[in-house]
Protein backbone atom coordinates (compact mmCIF):
# COMPACT_ATOMS: atom_id res chain seq x y z
CA MET A 1 59.50 88.54 68.47
CA ASN A 2 59.08 87.18 71.99
CA ILE A 3 61.50 87.01 74.91
CA ARG A 4 62.60 83.43 74.15
CA CYS A 5 63.44 84.21 70.54
CA VAL A 6 65.28 87.43 71.36
CA LEU A 7 67.36 85.77 74.06
CA ASN A 8 68.19 82.75 71.93
CA CYS A 9 69.28 84.92 68.99
CA CYS A 10 71.36 87.17 71.21
CA THR A 11 72.97 84.23 73.01
CA PHE A 12 73.97 82.72 69.65
CA LEU A 13 75.55 86.01 68.54
CA PHE A 14 77.48 86.29 71.79
CA GLN A 15 78.63 82.67 71.53
CA GLN A 16 79.87 83.26 67.99
CA ALA A 17 81.77 86.32 69.21
CA GLY A 18 83.50 84.25 71.89
CA LEU A 19 82.00 85.94 74.95
CA LEU A 20 82.53 83.93 78.11
CA THR A 21 78.98 84.23 79.49
CA PRO A 22 76.74 84.67 76.44
CA ARG A 23 73.39 83.71 77.97
CA LEU A 24 73.95 85.65 81.16
CA ASP A 25 75.01 88.75 79.22
CA ALA A 26 71.91 88.52 77.03
CA GLU A 27 69.61 88.21 80.04
CA VAL A 28 71.25 91.04 81.97
CA LEU A 29 71.04 93.41 79.00
CA LEU A 30 67.40 92.57 78.31
CA THR A 31 66.35 92.99 81.94
CA HIS A 32 68.16 96.33 82.05
CA LEU A 33 66.39 97.51 78.93
CA SER A 34 62.89 96.38 79.81
CA ASP A 35 63.08 96.91 83.59
CA MET A 36 62.21 93.26 84.27
CA ASN A 37 64.01 90.90 86.60
CA ARG A 38 65.38 87.62 85.28
CA THR A 39 62.58 85.67 86.97
CA VAL A 40 60.13 87.38 84.60
CA LEU A 41 62.21 86.28 81.62
CA TYR A 42 61.88 82.67 82.71
CA ALA A 43 58.22 82.92 83.71
CA TYR A 44 56.96 84.69 80.57
CA PRO A 45 59.17 83.60 77.66
CA GLU A 46 56.31 84.16 75.19
CA ARG A 47 55.93 87.82 76.05
CA THR A 48 56.22 89.92 72.91
CA ILE A 49 59.08 92.37 72.61
CA SER A 50 57.97 95.59 70.91
CA LYS A 51 59.78 96.96 67.87
CA GLN A 52 61.13 99.85 69.94
CA GLU A 53 62.40 97.43 72.58
CA GLN A 54 64.02 95.34 69.84
CA LYS A 55 65.70 98.45 68.44
CA ASP A 56 66.97 99.56 71.83
CA PHE A 57 68.14 96.05 72.69
CA SER A 58 69.95 95.78 69.37
CA PHE A 59 71.94 98.91 70.28
CA LEU A 60 73.03 97.35 73.58
CA VAL A 61 73.94 94.10 71.84
CA LYS A 62 76.14 95.95 69.34
CA ARG A 63 77.99 97.61 72.20
CA ARG A 64 78.58 94.24 73.86
CA LEU A 65 79.76 92.71 70.59
CA ARG A 66 82.40 95.45 70.49
CA ARG A 67 83.49 93.89 73.82
CA GLU A 68 82.43 96.86 75.90
CA PRO A 69 82.07 95.56 79.49
CA VAL A 70 78.52 94.93 80.67
CA ALA A 71 79.13 97.20 83.67
CA TYR A 72 79.85 100.16 81.37
CA ILE A 73 76.78 99.42 79.27
CA LEU A 74 74.57 99.29 82.36
CA GLY A 75 76.43 102.10 84.13
CA ILE A 76 76.25 100.09 87.36
CA LYS A 77 78.40 97.51 89.16
CA GLU A 78 77.77 95.79 92.48
CA PHE A 79 80.59 95.74 95.02
CA TRP A 80 80.39 94.90 98.72
CA SER A 81 76.62 94.39 98.21
CA LEU A 82 76.38 98.06 97.21
CA SER A 83 75.48 99.41 93.79
CA PHE A 84 78.09 101.73 92.27
CA GLU A 85 77.85 104.02 89.28
CA VAL A 86 80.66 103.25 86.84
CA THR A 87 81.74 104.98 83.66
CA SER A 88 84.63 104.46 81.28
CA ASP A 89 86.57 106.95 83.44
CA VAL A 90 86.92 104.44 86.29
CA LEU A 91 88.11 100.90 86.84
CA ILE A 92 85.26 98.43 87.27
CA PRO A 93 85.25 97.17 90.89
CA ARG A 94 86.08 93.48 91.10
CA PRO A 95 85.11 90.83 93.67
CA ALA A 96 88.79 90.15 94.49
CA THR A 97 89.12 93.70 95.78
CA GLU A 98 86.57 92.96 98.49
CA VAL A 99 89.41 91.13 100.26
CA LEU A 100 91.24 94.47 100.43
CA VAL A 101 88.17 95.99 102.11
CA GLU A 102 87.94 93.03 104.50
CA GLU A 103 91.58 93.37 105.50
CA THR A 104 91.23 97.12 106.08
CA LEU A 105 88.15 96.62 108.24
CA ASP A 106 89.89 93.87 110.22
CA VAL A 107 92.83 96.18 110.95
CA ALA A 108 90.55 99.10 111.80
CA ARG A 109 88.55 97.04 114.27
CA ASP A 110 91.34 94.96 115.78
CA GLN A 111 94.20 97.46 116.00
CA PHE A 112 92.34 100.67 116.80
CA THR A 113 89.86 99.63 119.45
CA GLY A 114 87.87 102.41 121.02
CA ARG A 115 88.24 104.79 118.10
CA ASN A 116 88.00 104.93 114.36
CA PRO A 117 91.34 105.26 112.57
CA ASP A 118 92.13 108.06 110.15
CA ILE A 119 92.23 106.38 106.72
CA LEU A 120 93.76 107.49 103.43
CA GLU A 121 93.00 105.79 100.12
CA ILE A 122 95.34 106.32 97.18
CA GLY A 123 93.75 106.02 93.71
CA THR A 124 90.08 105.82 94.62
CA GLY A 125 88.55 105.57 91.13
CA SER A 126 84.82 104.98 91.57
CA GLY A 127 85.22 105.39 95.32
CA ALA A 128 84.13 101.80 95.91
CA ILE A 129 86.80 100.93 98.50
CA SER A 130 86.44 104.05 100.66
CA ILE A 131 82.65 104.00 100.42
CA ALA A 132 82.49 100.32 101.36
CA ILE A 133 84.70 101.01 104.39
CA ALA A 134 82.64 104.06 105.38
CA SER A 135 79.44 102.03 105.12
CA GLU A 136 80.80 99.69 107.82
CA LEU A 137 82.50 102.12 110.24
CA GLN A 138 80.37 104.81 111.83
CA ASN A 139 81.91 108.28 112.05
CA VAL A 140 85.06 107.18 110.25
CA ARG A 141 87.26 109.82 108.60
CA ILE A 142 88.57 108.94 105.15
CA LYS A 143 90.49 110.96 102.59
CA ALA A 144 90.70 109.53 99.08
CA THR A 145 92.86 110.76 96.22
CA ASP A 146 92.79 110.31 92.47
CA ILE A 147 94.60 112.01 89.61
CA SER A 148 91.46 111.98 87.42
CA PRO A 149 88.83 114.69 87.99
CA SER A 150 86.34 112.60 86.00
CA ALA A 151 86.87 109.65 88.31
CA LEU A 152 86.44 111.88 91.37
CA SER A 153 83.13 113.12 89.96
CA VAL A 154 81.91 109.53 89.76
CA ALA A 155 83.22 108.81 93.26
CA GLY A 156 81.44 111.85 94.66
CA CYS A 157 78.14 110.72 93.16
CA ASN A 158 78.63 107.25 94.64
CA ALA A 159 79.35 108.69 98.08
CA MET A 160 76.11 110.67 97.92
CA ARG A 161 74.24 107.57 96.68
CA HIS A 162 75.28 105.67 99.79
CA GLY A 163 75.00 108.50 102.28
CA VAL A 164 78.69 108.73 103.25
CA SER A 165 79.59 112.13 101.79
CA ASP A 166 80.33 113.43 105.29
CA SER A 167 82.76 110.57 105.95
CA VAL A 168 84.80 110.58 102.73
CA ILE A 169 86.69 113.60 101.36
CA PHE A 170 87.94 113.30 97.78
CA LEU A 171 91.15 115.07 96.74
CA GLU A 172 92.51 115.54 93.22
CA GLY A 173 96.17 114.78 92.64
CA ASN A 174 98.74 112.10 91.93
CA LEU A 175 99.39 109.67 94.80
CA PHE A 176 100.13 111.73 97.97
CA GLU A 177 100.38 115.07 96.16
CA PRO A 178 97.17 116.63 97.59
CA VAL A 179 97.59 115.12 101.08
CA SER A 180 98.95 116.51 104.33
CA GLY A 181 99.09 115.07 107.82
CA GLU A 182 99.45 111.52 109.12
CA PHE A 183 97.10 108.55 108.99
CA ASP A 184 96.55 105.31 110.83
CA ILE A 185 95.82 103.32 107.66
CA ILE A 186 96.77 103.86 104.04
CA VAL A 187 94.90 101.61 101.63
CA SER A 188 95.26 101.32 97.86
CA ASN A 189 94.40 99.21 94.87
CA PRO A 190 97.10 100.68 92.59
CA PRO A 191 97.59 99.89 88.89
CA TYR A 192 99.59 96.66 88.77
CA ILE A 193 99.47 95.22 85.25
CA PRO A 194 102.91 95.12 83.55
CA ALA A 195 102.94 97.29 80.44
CA ASP A 196 104.09 94.52 78.11
CA VAL A 197 101.05 92.31 78.79
CA LEU A 198 98.38 94.93 78.02
CA ASN A 199 97.73 93.59 74.54
CA ASP A 200 97.29 90.07 75.95
CA LEU A 201 94.44 91.12 78.23
CA PRO A 202 90.80 90.37 77.34
CA PRO A 203 89.24 93.08 75.14
CA GLU A 204 86.84 93.98 77.96
CA VAL A 205 89.74 94.83 80.28
CA ARG A 206 91.40 96.97 77.60
CA TYR A 207 88.21 99.06 77.57
CA GLU A 208 89.07 100.27 81.06
CA PRO A 209 91.31 103.34 81.60
CA ALA A 210 94.94 102.40 81.05
CA SER A 211 95.99 104.78 83.82
CA ALA A 212 94.09 102.59 86.29
CA LEU A 213 95.60 99.37 84.95
CA LEU A 214 99.25 99.79 84.03
CA GLY A 215 101.87 99.62 86.76
CA GLY A 216 105.08 100.13 84.79
CA SER A 217 107.36 97.53 83.26
CA GLU A 218 107.13 95.11 86.19
CA GLY A 219 103.66 96.08 87.40
CA THR A 220 104.94 97.29 90.78
CA GLU A 221 105.88 100.88 89.97
CA TYR A 222 102.98 102.32 91.99
CA HIS A 223 103.54 99.90 94.86
CA HIS A 224 107.09 101.22 95.08
CA GLY A 225 105.91 104.82 95.10
CA ILE A 226 103.25 104.20 97.73
CA ILE A 227 105.65 102.27 99.95
CA THR A 228 108.47 104.82 99.79
CA GLU A 229 106.27 107.92 100.11
CA GLY A 230 103.67 106.34 102.36
CA LYS A 231 105.93 106.10 105.39
CA ASP A 232 105.92 109.90 105.61
CA PHE A 233 102.13 109.89 105.92
CA LEU A 234 101.74 106.96 108.30
CA ARG A 235 101.81 107.34 112.05
CA PRO A 236 104.21 104.97 113.87
CA GLY A 237 102.30 101.73 114.28
CA GLY A 238 100.08 102.61 111.30
CA TYR A 239 99.30 100.16 108.52
CA LEU A 240 99.85 100.14 104.79
CA ILE A 241 97.43 97.81 102.96
CA MET A 242 97.59 97.28 99.19
CA GLU A 243 96.19 95.02 96.52
CA ILE A 244 98.78 93.19 94.43
CA GLY A 245 98.70 91.24 91.17
CA ASP A 246 99.08 87.50 90.74
CA GLY A 247 102.74 86.56 91.16
CA GLN A 248 103.82 89.92 92.65
CA ARG A 249 104.19 88.80 96.27
CA THR A 250 107.97 88.46 96.23
CA ALA A 251 108.60 91.72 94.36
CA VAL A 252 106.39 93.75 96.69
CA GLU A 253 107.88 92.10 99.78
CA ASP A 254 111.38 92.97 98.53
CA ILE A 255 110.38 96.63 98.15
CA LEU A 256 109.02 96.72 101.70
CA LEU A 257 112.10 95.02 103.17
CA ALA A 258 114.46 97.32 101.28
CA ASP A 259 112.77 100.40 102.71
CA ASP A 260 113.40 99.34 106.35
CA SER A 261 110.48 101.45 107.61
CA TYR A 262 108.05 98.56 107.87
CA GLU A 263 107.63 95.38 109.87
CA ASN A 264 105.03 92.67 110.41
CA ILE A 265 104.69 92.17 106.66
CA CYS A 266 102.01 89.63 105.73
CA PHE A 267 100.01 88.59 102.70
CA ARG A 268 96.42 87.46 102.27
CA LYS A 269 94.92 85.32 99.54
CA ASP A 270 91.69 86.09 97.73
CA TYR A 271 88.92 83.50 97.40
CA GLU A 272 90.56 82.00 94.32
CA GLY A 273 93.72 81.25 96.31
CA ILE A 274 95.80 84.06 94.79
CA TYR A 275 97.92 86.28 97.02
CA ARG A 276 95.96 89.51 96.61
CA VAL A 277 96.64 91.80 99.58
CA VAL A 278 99.79 92.87 101.40
CA ARG A 279 99.77 94.46 104.85
CA ALA A 280 102.71 96.06 106.63
CA MET A 281 103.06 98.14 109.80
CA LYS A 282 105.23 101.22 110.06
CA LYS A 283 107.84 100.71 112.75
CA ARG A 284 107.19 102.49 116.03
């Protein structure tokens, strides 16, 4: 079989299975297997695929047909123009979360001129957020927590991959449990999916660790915990920056206002027009 035939057959299977991007998935899996870029697939569609390559490709296709995310199959996901190792122990970094990184960098550069702020990330997962920030701020000091030792192992590998191991310290524990001291910025992409909608999510999303997805009955359980505990770890004038789910703006704002430790509360939309990030300053 040649490249054209293999791709056409695979695309048809993915279409029949209801995958959203059948051709793209087929091409990405084949290039991963055969170490070719997609330009080669287009330029040499008559190239023969060996029996061993067909066998190996068939294994990848079966995994995708089980709705395993492409990122887990490849073991790699791009975020902030950086390549991150991902496993089923961590949430797959998403483009919308880059807005959280942008907001954190804006605050770091605009509000802490002349020095790098001390930054704490809660729930680091693959380490993508802290590593992206560290890649942009020289000599920054970041501590990042996660309850999962498996996730922290992935994060540590990613920090080494991008040469920021000296800038990011990973700590095992739930929320603020392993942390001491005060910080200028606390950043987090906490779990924010309401528990009762889990079964309505795409199968690919349900492949990801539930502990990184589910945010209690309303989806804001972790936001509440980070807001109420976070004030004890923020310096006066420090900033709390969190990702939120679609439609959670009002609920998160109410939690912040009820605490009375924060001011200058504002929200930022992602590039699809969804309110995605909340920022609040601890009162001086």
